[in-house]
PDB file of N, CA and C in Angstrom:
ATOM      1  N   MET A   1     108.292 175.857  83.389  1.00  0.00           N
ATOM      2  CA  MET A   1     108.896 174.989  84.373  1.00  0.00           C
ATOM      3  C   MET A   1     110.158 174.324  83.834  1.00  0.00           C
ATOM      4  N   LEU A   2     110.131 173.952  82.554  1.00  0.00           N
ATOM      5  CA  LEU A   2     111.285 173.301  81.959  1.00  0.00           C
ATOM      6  C   LEU A   2     112.501 174.221  81.970  1.00  0.00           C
ATOM      7  N   GLU A   3     112.289 175.494  81.691  1.00  0.00           N
ATOM      8  CA  GLU A   3     113.409 176.438  81.693  1.00  0.00           C
ATOM      9  C   GLU A   3     114.066 176.476  83.065  1.00  0.00           C
ATOM     10  N   ARG A   4     113.270 176.494  84.128  1.00  0.00           N
ATOM     11  CA  ARG A   4     113.813 176.505  85.487  1.00  0.00           C
ATOM     12  C   ARG A   4     114.609 175.231  85.760  1.00  0.00           C
ATOM     13  N   THR A   5     114.088 174.103  85.319  1.00  0.00           N
ATOM     14  CA  THR A   5     114.783 172.832  85.510  1.00  0.00           C
ATOM     15  C   THR A   5     116.112 172.828  84.771  1.00  0.00           C
ATOM     16  N   GLU A   6     116.109 173.324  83.548  1.00  0.00           N
ATOM     17  CA  GLU A   6     117.346 173.391  82.775  1.00  0.00           C
ATOM     18  C   GLU A   6     118.352 174.324  83.417  1.00  0.00           C
ATOM     19  N   LYS A   7     117.879 175.461  83.933  1.00  0.00           N
ATOM     20  CA  LYS A   7     118.773 176.393  84.623  1.00  0.00           C
ATOM     21  C   LYS A   7     119.370 175.744  85.867  1.00  0.00           C
ATOM     22  N   ALA A   8     118.546 175.011  86.610  1.00  0.00           N
ATOM     23  CA  ALA A   8     119.021 174.341  87.820  1.00  0.00           C
ATOM     24  C   ALA A   8     120.080 173.291  87.473  1.00  0.00           C
ATOM     25  N   GLU A   9     119.802 172.498  86.467  1.00  0.00           N
ATOM     26  CA  GLU A   9     120.760 171.479  86.043  1.00  0.00           C
ATOM     27  C   GLU A   9     122.071 172.107  85.604  1.00  0.00           C
ATOM     28  N   SER A  10     121.982 173.192  84.860  1.00  0.00           N
ATOM     29  CA  SER A  10     123.177 173.873  84.383  1.00  0.00           C
ATOM     30  C   SER A  10     123.978 174.463  85.541  1.00  0.00           C
ATOM     31  N   ALA A  11     123.287 175.071  86.479  1.00  0.00           N
ATOM     32  CA  ALA A  11     123.964 175.704  87.615  1.00  0.00           C
ATOM     33  C   ALA A  11     124.620 174.684  88.533  1.00  0.00           C
ATOM     34  N   LEU A  12     123.987 173.538  88.699  1.00  0.00           N
ATOM     35  CA  LEU A  12     124.448 172.569  89.691  1.00  0.00           C
ATOM     36  C   LEU A  12     125.305 171.447  89.129  1.00  0.00           C
ATOM     37  N   ASP A  13     125.304 171.263  87.823  1.00  0.00           N
ATOM     38  CA  ASP A  13     126.062 170.177  87.213  1.00  0.00           C
ATOM     39  C   ASP A  13     127.551 170.290  87.537  1.00  0.00           C
ATOM     40  N   GLY A  14     128.090 169.283  88.156  1.00  0.00           N
ATOM     41  CA  GLY A  14     129.516 169.251  88.481  1.00  0.00           C
ATOM     42  C   GLY A  14     129.915 170.055  89.702  1.00  0.00           C
ATOM     43  N   ALA A  15     128.952 170.605  90.408  1.00  0.00           N
ATOM     44  CA  ALA A  15     129.266 171.426  91.579  1.00  0.00           C
ATOM     45  C   ALA A  15     129.971 170.592  92.648  1.00  0.00           C
ATOM     46  N   GLN A  16     130.986 171.181  93.248  1.00  0.00           N
ATOM     47  CA  GLN A  16     131.695 170.535  94.339  1.00  0.00           C
ATOM     48  C   GLN A  16     131.203 171.024  95.698  1.00  0.00           C
ATOM     49  N   LEU A  17     130.523 172.171  95.697  1.00  0.00           N
ATOM     50  CA  LEU A  17     129.996 172.724  96.939  1.00  0.00           C
ATOM     51  C   LEU A  17     128.786 173.587  96.610  1.00  0.00           C
ATOM     52  N   VAL A  18     127.692 173.356  97.329  1.00  0.00           N
ATOM     53  CA  VAL A  18     126.474 174.151  97.179  1.00  0.00           C
ATOM     54  C   VAL A  18     126.000 174.524  98.572  1.00  0.00           C
ATOM     55  N   ARG A  19     125.747 175.799  98.780  1.00  0.00           N
ATOM     56  CA  ARG A  19     125.236 176.273 100.066  1.00  0.00           C
ATOM     57  C   ARG A  19     123.998 177.112  99.817  1.00  0.00           C
ATOM     58  N   PHE A  20     123.000 176.959 100.697  1.00  0.00           N
ATOM     59  CA  PHE A  20     121.734 177.665 100.598  1.00  0.00           C
ATOM     60  C   PHE A  20     121.617 178.649 101.752  1.00  0.00           C
ATOM     61  N   ASP A  21     121.234 179.882 101.440  1.00  0.00           N
ATOM     62  CA  ASP A  21     120.962 180.897 102.462  1.00  0.00           C
ATOM     63  C   ASP A  21     119.451 181.053 102.554  1.00  0.00           C
ATOM     64  N   ASP A  22     118.861 180.488 103.609  1.00  0.00           N
ATOM     65  CA  ASP A  22     117.402 180.501 103.711  1.00  0.00           C
ATOM     66  C   ASP A  22     116.836 181.873 104.038  1.00  0.00           C
ATOM     67  N   THR A  23     117.662 182.784 104.511  1.00  0.00           N
ATOM     68  CA  THR A  23     117.200 184.140 104.804  1.00  0.00           C
ATOM     69  C   THR A  23     116.865 184.897 103.517  1.00  0.00           C
ATOM     70  N   THR A  24     117.668 184.701 102.492  1.00  0.00           N
ATOM     71  CA  THR A  24     117.502 185.450 101.246  1.00  0.00           C
ATOM     72  C   THR A  24     117.186 184.559 100.049  1.00  0.00           C
ATOM     73  N   SER A  25     117.073 183.261 100.265  1.00  0.00           N
ATOM     74  CA  SER A  25     116.791 182.295  99.191  1.00  0.00           C
ATOM     75  C   SER A  25     117.840 182.345  98.087  1.00  0.00           C
ATOM     76  N   ARG A  26     119.093 182.396  98.495  1.00  0.00           N
ATOM     77  CA  ARG A  26     120.200 182.401  97.532  1.00  0.00           C
ATOM     78  C   ARG A  26     120.967 181.088  97.621  1.00  0.00           C
ATOM     79  N   LEU A  27     121.544 180.693  96.528  1.00  0.00           N
ATOM     80  CA  LEU A  27     122.426 179.539  96.459  1.00  0.00           C
ATOM     81  C   LEU A  27     123.813 179.996  96.067  1.00  0.00           C
ATOM     82  N   ALA A  28     124.815 179.495  96.754  1.00  0.00           N
ATOM     83  CA  ALA A  28     126.197 179.688  96.344  1.00  0.00           C
ATOM     84  C   ALA A  28     126.664 178.367  95.757  1.00  0.00           C
ATOM     85  N   VAL A  29     127.254 178.422  94.575  1.00  0.00           N
ATOM     86  CA  VAL A  29     127.685 177.209  93.888  1.00  0.00           C
ATOM     87  C   VAL A  29     129.145 177.360  93.488  1.00  0.00           C
ATOM     88  N   TRP A  30     129.941 176.366  93.864  1.00  0.00           N
ATOM     89  CA  TRP A  30     131.371 176.355  93.547  1.00  0.00           C
ATOM     90  C   TRP A  30     131.674 175.066  92.808  1.00  0.00           C
ATOM     91  N   HIS A  31     132.352 175.191  91.683  1.00  0.00           N
ATOM     92  CA  HIS A  31     132.677 174.027  90.850  1.00  0.00           C
ATOM     93  C   HIS A  31     134.137 173.606  90.970  1.00  0.00           C
ATOM     94  N   GLY A  32     134.865 174.177  91.898  1.00  0.00           N
ATOM     95  CA  GLY A  32     136.248 173.771  92.115  1.00  0.00           C
ATOM     96  C   GLY A  32     137.285 174.733  91.589  1.00  0.00           C
ATOM     97  N   GLY A  33     136.866 175.750  90.873  1.00  0.00           N
ATOM     98  CA  GLY A  33     137.807 176.735  90.337  1.00  0.00           C
ATOM     99  C   GLY A  33     137.893 177.959  91.233  1.00  0.00           C
ATOM    100  N   VAL A  34     138.124 179.094  90.635  1.00  0.00           N
ATOM    101  CA  VAL A  34     138.248 180.330  91.407  1.00  0.00           C
ATOM    102  C   VAL A  34     136.942 181.124  91.469  1.00  0.00           C
ATOM    103  N   THR A  35     135.920 180.676  90.750  1.00  0.00           N
ATOM    104  CA  THR A  35     134.660 181.419  90.691  1.00  0.00           C
ATOM    105  C   THR A  35     133.592 180.772  91.563  1.00  0.00           C
ATOM    106  N   ILE A  36     132.882 181.620  92.310  1.00  0.00           N
ATOM    107  CA  ILE A  36     131.723 181.203  93.091  1.00  0.00           C
ATOM    108  C   ILE A  36     130.533 181.964  92.528  1.00  0.00           C
ATOM    109  N   ASN A  37     129.507 181.232  92.134  1.00  0.00           N
ATOM    110  CA  ASN A  37     128.305 181.834  91.556  1.00  0.00           C
ATOM    111  C   ASN A  37     127.210 181.891  92.609  1.00  0.00           C
ATOM    112  N   ILE A  38     126.477 182.999  92.624  1.00  0.00           N
ATOM    113  CA  ILE A  38     125.351 183.170  93.528  1.00  0.00           C
ATOM    114  C   ILE A  38     124.083 183.218  92.676  1.00  0.00           C
ATOM    115  N   TYR A  39     123.124 182.332  92.996  1.00  0.00           N
ATOM    116  CA  TYR A  39     121.883 182.212  92.241  1.00  0.00           C
ATOM    117  C   TYR A  39     120.671 182.472  93.119  1.00  0.00           C
ATOM    118  N   ASN A  40     119.615 182.946  92.493  1.00  0.00           N
ATOM    119  CA  ASN A  40     118.308 182.978  93.129  1.00  0.00           C
ATOM    120  C   ASN A  40     117.850 181.522  93.181  1.00  0.00           C
ATOM    121  N   SER A  41     117.511 181.032  94.358  1.00  0.00           N
ATOM    122  CA  SER A  41     117.192 179.608  94.498  1.00  0.00           C
ATOM    123  C   SER A  41     115.825 179.233  93.934  1.00  0.00           C
ATOM    124  N   GLN A  42     115.003 180.204  93.645  1.00  0.00           N
ATOM    125  CA  GLN A  42     113.681 179.900  93.089  1.00  0.00           C
ATOM    126  C   GLN A  42     113.688 179.885  91.565  1.00  0.00           C
ATOM    127  N   THR A  43     114.482 180.764  90.967  1.00  0.00           N
ATOM    128  CA  THR A  43     114.510 180.870  89.506  1.00  0.00           C
ATOM    129  C   THR A  43     115.794 180.324  88.889  1.00  0.00           C
ATOM    130  N   PHE A  44     116.833 180.190  89.698  1.00  0.00           N
ATOM    131  CA  PHE A  44     118.167 179.808  89.264  1.00  0.00           C
ATOM    132  C   PHE A  44     118.787 180.828  88.317  1.00  0.00           C
ATOM    133  N   ASP A  45     118.295 182.063  88.389  1.00  0.00           N
ATOM    134  CA  ASP A  45     118.957 183.161  87.690  1.00  0.00           C
ATOM    135  C   ASP A  45     120.191 183.547  88.492  1.00  0.00           C
ATOM    136  N   GLU A  46     121.290 183.804  87.785  1.00  0.00           N
ATOM    137  CA  GLU A  46     122.506 184.213  88.482  1.00  0.00           C
ATOM    138  C   GLU A  46     122.340 185.649  88.984  1.00  0.00           C
ATOM    139  N   ILE A  47     122.672 185.854  90.245  1.00  0.00           N
ATOM    140  CA  ILE A  47     122.613 187.184  90.849  1.00  0.00           C
ATOM    141  C   ILE A  47     123.953 187.876  90.688  1.00  0.00           C
ATOM    142  N   THR A  48     125.019 187.151  90.990  1.00  0.00           N
ATOM    143  CA  THR A  48     126.367 187.686  90.881  1.00  0.00           C
ATOM    144  C   THR A  48     127.346 186.529  90.924  1.00  0.00           C
ATOM    145  N   CYS A  49     128.601 186.834  90.736  1.00  0.00           N
ATOM    146  CA  CYS A  49     129.659 185.847  90.930  1.00  0.00           C
ATOM    147  C   CYS A  49     130.886 186.601  91.424  1.00  0.00           C
ATOM    148  N   PHE A  50     131.764 185.859  92.052  1.00  0.00           N
ATOM    149  CA  PHE A  50     133.014 186.469  92.503  1.00  0.00           C
ATOM    150  C   PHE A  50     134.112 185.423  92.469  1.00  0.00           C
ATOM    151  N   SER A  51     135.338 185.895  92.502  1.00  0.00           N
ATOM    152  CA  SER A  51     136.502 185.012  92.466  1.00  0.00           C
ATOM    153  C   SER A  51     137.139 184.934  93.837  1.00  0.00           C
ATOM    154  N   LEU A  52     137.681 183.770  94.118  1.00  0.00           N
ATOM    155  CA  LEU A  52     138.385 183.542  95.374  1.00  0.00           C
ATOM    156  C   LEU A  52     139.571 182.641  95.066  1.00  0.00           C
ATOM    157  N   SER A  53     140.773 183.152  95.316  1.00  0.00           N
ATOM    158  CA  SER A  53     141.968 182.361  95.026  1.00  0.00           C
ATOM    159  C   SER A  53     143.012 182.606  96.107  1.00  0.00           C
ATOM    160  N   ASN A  54     144.036 181.759  96.102  1.00  0.00           N
ATOM    161  CA  ASN A  54     145.122 181.954  97.053  1.00  0.00           C
ATOM    162  C   ASN A  54     146.071 183.030  96.527  1.00  0.00           C
ATOM    163  N   GLU A  55     147.174 183.212  97.217  1.00  0.00           N
ATOM    164  CA  GLU A  55     148.089 184.312  96.883  1.00  0.00           C
ATOM    165  C   GLU A  55     148.765 184.164  95.523  1.00  0.00           C
ATOM    166  N   ILE A  56     148.742 182.963  94.945  1.00  0.00           N
ATOM    167  CA  ILE A  56     149.336 182.798  93.614  1.00  0.00           C
ATOM    168  C   ILE A  56     148.292 182.540  92.535  1.00  0.00           C
ATOM    169  N   GLY A  57     147.032 182.834  92.859  1.00  0.00           N
ATOM    170  CA  GLY A  57     145.969 182.768  91.875  1.00  0.00           C
ATOM    171  C   GLY A  57     145.338 181.404  91.659  1.00  0.00           C
ATOM    172  N   GLU A  58     145.682 180.442  92.486  1.00  0.00           N
ATOM    173  CA  GLU A  58     145.093 179.108  92.368  1.00  0.00           C
ATOM    174  C   GLU A  58     143.813 179.025  93.189  1.00  0.00           C
ATOM    175  N   PRO A  59     142.927 178.096  92.854  1.00  0.00           N
ATOM    176  CA  PRO A  59     141.696 177.939  93.634  1.00  0.00           C
ATOM    177  C   PRO A  59     141.986 177.631  95.103  1.00  0.00           C
ATOM    178  N   CYS A  60     141.148 178.146  95.966  1.00  0.00           N
ATOM    179  CA  CYS A  60     141.258 177.855  97.396  1.00  0.00           C
ATOM    180  C   CYS A  60     140.723 176.451  97.663  1.00  0.00           C
ATOM    181  N   SER A  61     140.990 175.968  98.855  1.00  0.00           N
ATOM    182  CA  SER A  61     140.484 174.654  99.239  1.00  0.00           C
ATOM    183  C   SER A  61     138.976 174.718  99.467  1.00  0.00           C
ATOM    184  N   ARG A  62     138.343 173.566  99.463  1.00  0.00           N
ATOM    185  CA  ARG A  62     136.897 173.484  99.685  1.00  0.00           C
ATOM    186  C   ARG A  62     136.540 174.102 101.032  1.00  0.00           C
ATOM    187  N   ASP A  63     137.325 173.834 102.053  1.00  0.00           N
ATOM    188  CA  ASP A  63     137.047 174.392 103.379  1.00  0.00           C
ATOM    189  C   ASP A  63     137.134 175.920 103.387  1.00  0.00           C
ATOM    190  N   GLU A  64     138.129 176.463 102.682  1.00  0.00           N
ATOM    191  CA  GLU A  64     138.264 177.923 102.600  1.00  0.00           C
ATOM    192  C   GLU A  64     137.084 178.545 101.850  1.00  0.00           C
ATOM    193  N   VAL A  65     136.663 177.907 100.781  1.00  0.00           N
ATOM    194  CA  VAL A  65     135.522 178.400 100.011  1.00  0.00           C
ATOM    195  C   VAL A  65     134.262 178.348 100.869  1.00  0.00           C
ATOM    196  N   ASP A  66     134.067 177.243 101.564  1.00  0.00           N
ATOM    197  CA  ASP A  66     132.905 177.090 102.438  1.00  0.00           C
ATOM    198  C   ASP A  66     132.886 178.174 103.514  1.00  0.00           C
ATOM    199  N   GLU A  67     134.032 178.450 104.105  1.00  0.00           N
ATOM    200  CA  GLU A  67     134.127 179.497 105.133  1.00  0.00           C
ATOM    201  C   GLU A  67     133.804 180.872 104.546  1.00  0.00           C
ATOM    202  N   HIS A  68     134.296 181.145 103.356  1.00  0.00           N
ATOM    203  CA  HIS A  68     134.047 182.446 102.723  1.00  0.00           C
ATOM    204  C   HIS A  68     132.560 182.613 102.394  1.00  0.00           C
ATOM    205  N   ILE A  69     131.946 181.554 101.884  1.00  0.00           N
ATOM    206  CA  ILE A  69     130.514 181.612 101.593  1.00  0.00           C
ATOM    207  C   ILE A  69     129.732 181.851 102.881  1.00  0.00           C
ATOM    208  N   SER A  70     130.113 181.182 103.949  1.00  0.00           N
ATOM    209  CA  SER A  70     129.445 181.396 105.243  1.00  0.00           C
ATOM    210  C   SER A  70     129.577 182.840 105.693  1.00  0.00           C
ATOM    211  N   ASP A  71     130.749 183.415 105.469  1.00  0.00           N
ATOM    212  CA  ASP A  71     130.958 184.828 105.815  1.00  0.00           C
ATOM    213  C   ASP A  71     130.067 185.732 104.974  1.00  0.00           C
ATOM    214  N   ILE A  72     129.992 185.466 103.682  1.00  0.00           N
ATOM    215  CA  ILE A  72     129.161 186.273 102.787  1.00  0.00           C
ATOM    216  C   ILE A  72     127.694 186.168 103.186  1.00  0.00           C
ATOM    217  N   PHE A  73     127.214 184.959 103.402  1.00  0.00           N
ATOM    218  CA  PHE A  73     125.819 184.764 103.760  1.00  0.00           C
ATOM    219  C   PHE A  73     125.518 185.265 105.168  1.00  0.00           C
ATOM    220  N   GLY A  74     126.530 185.384 105.999  1.00  0.00           N
ATOM    221  CA  GLY A  74     126.337 185.865 107.350  1.00  0.00           C
ATOM    222  C   GLY A  74     126.241 187.382 107.457  1.00  0.00           C
ATOM    223  N   THR A  75     126.540 188.088 106.363  1.00  0.00           N
ATOM    224  CA  THR A  75     126.478 189.545 106.389  1.00  0.00           C
ATOM    225  C   THR A  75     125.100 190.019 105.975  1.00  0.00           C
ATOM    226  N   ASP A  76     124.833 191.271 106.199  1.00  0.00           N
ATOM    227  CA  ASP A  76     123.573 191.878 105.769  1.00  0.00           C
ATOM    228  C   ASP A  76     123.746 192.549 104.413  1.00  0.00           C
ATOM    229  N   ASN A  77     124.663 192.066 103.616  1.00  0.00           N
ATOM    230  CA  ASN A  77     124.981 192.646 102.326  1.00  0.00           C
ATOM    231  C   ASN A  77     124.000 192.151 101.275  1.00  0.00           C
ATOM    232  N   ASP A  78     123.138 193.009 100.791  1.00  0.00           N
ATOM    233  CA  ASP A  78     122.151 192.627  99.779  1.00  0.00           C
ATOM    234  C   ASP A  78     122.783 192.421  98.404  1.00  0.00           C
ATOM    235  N   GLU A  79     124.040 192.822  98.251  1.00  0.00           N
ATOM    236  CA  GLU A  79     124.697 192.652  96.947  1.00  0.00           C
ATOM    237  C   GLU A  79     124.796 191.173  96.594  1.00  0.00           C
ATOM    238  N   TYR A  80     125.012 190.343  97.567  1.00  0.00           N
ATOM    239  CA  TYR A  80     125.120 188.901  97.336  1.00  0.00           C
ATOM    240  C   TYR A  80     123.843 188.266  97.725  1.00  0.00           C
TER     241      TYR A  80
END
């Protein structure tokens, strides 16, 4: 149980945006940079991560990241 708690703390520490997909029990976590991490919400094991930036390589706004996560979670793509 402690390992899961430590993984959760590590994954969520400093997060600026966290979204939960109840269909697949996944968490999307964004810390404000260009990387969005996708975790299994029960184990907090990382499933995948991806980058999202504007045309000059800077992080997108919180609203843009939130919209992209909604799009990802709205698909039937098992990769995420």
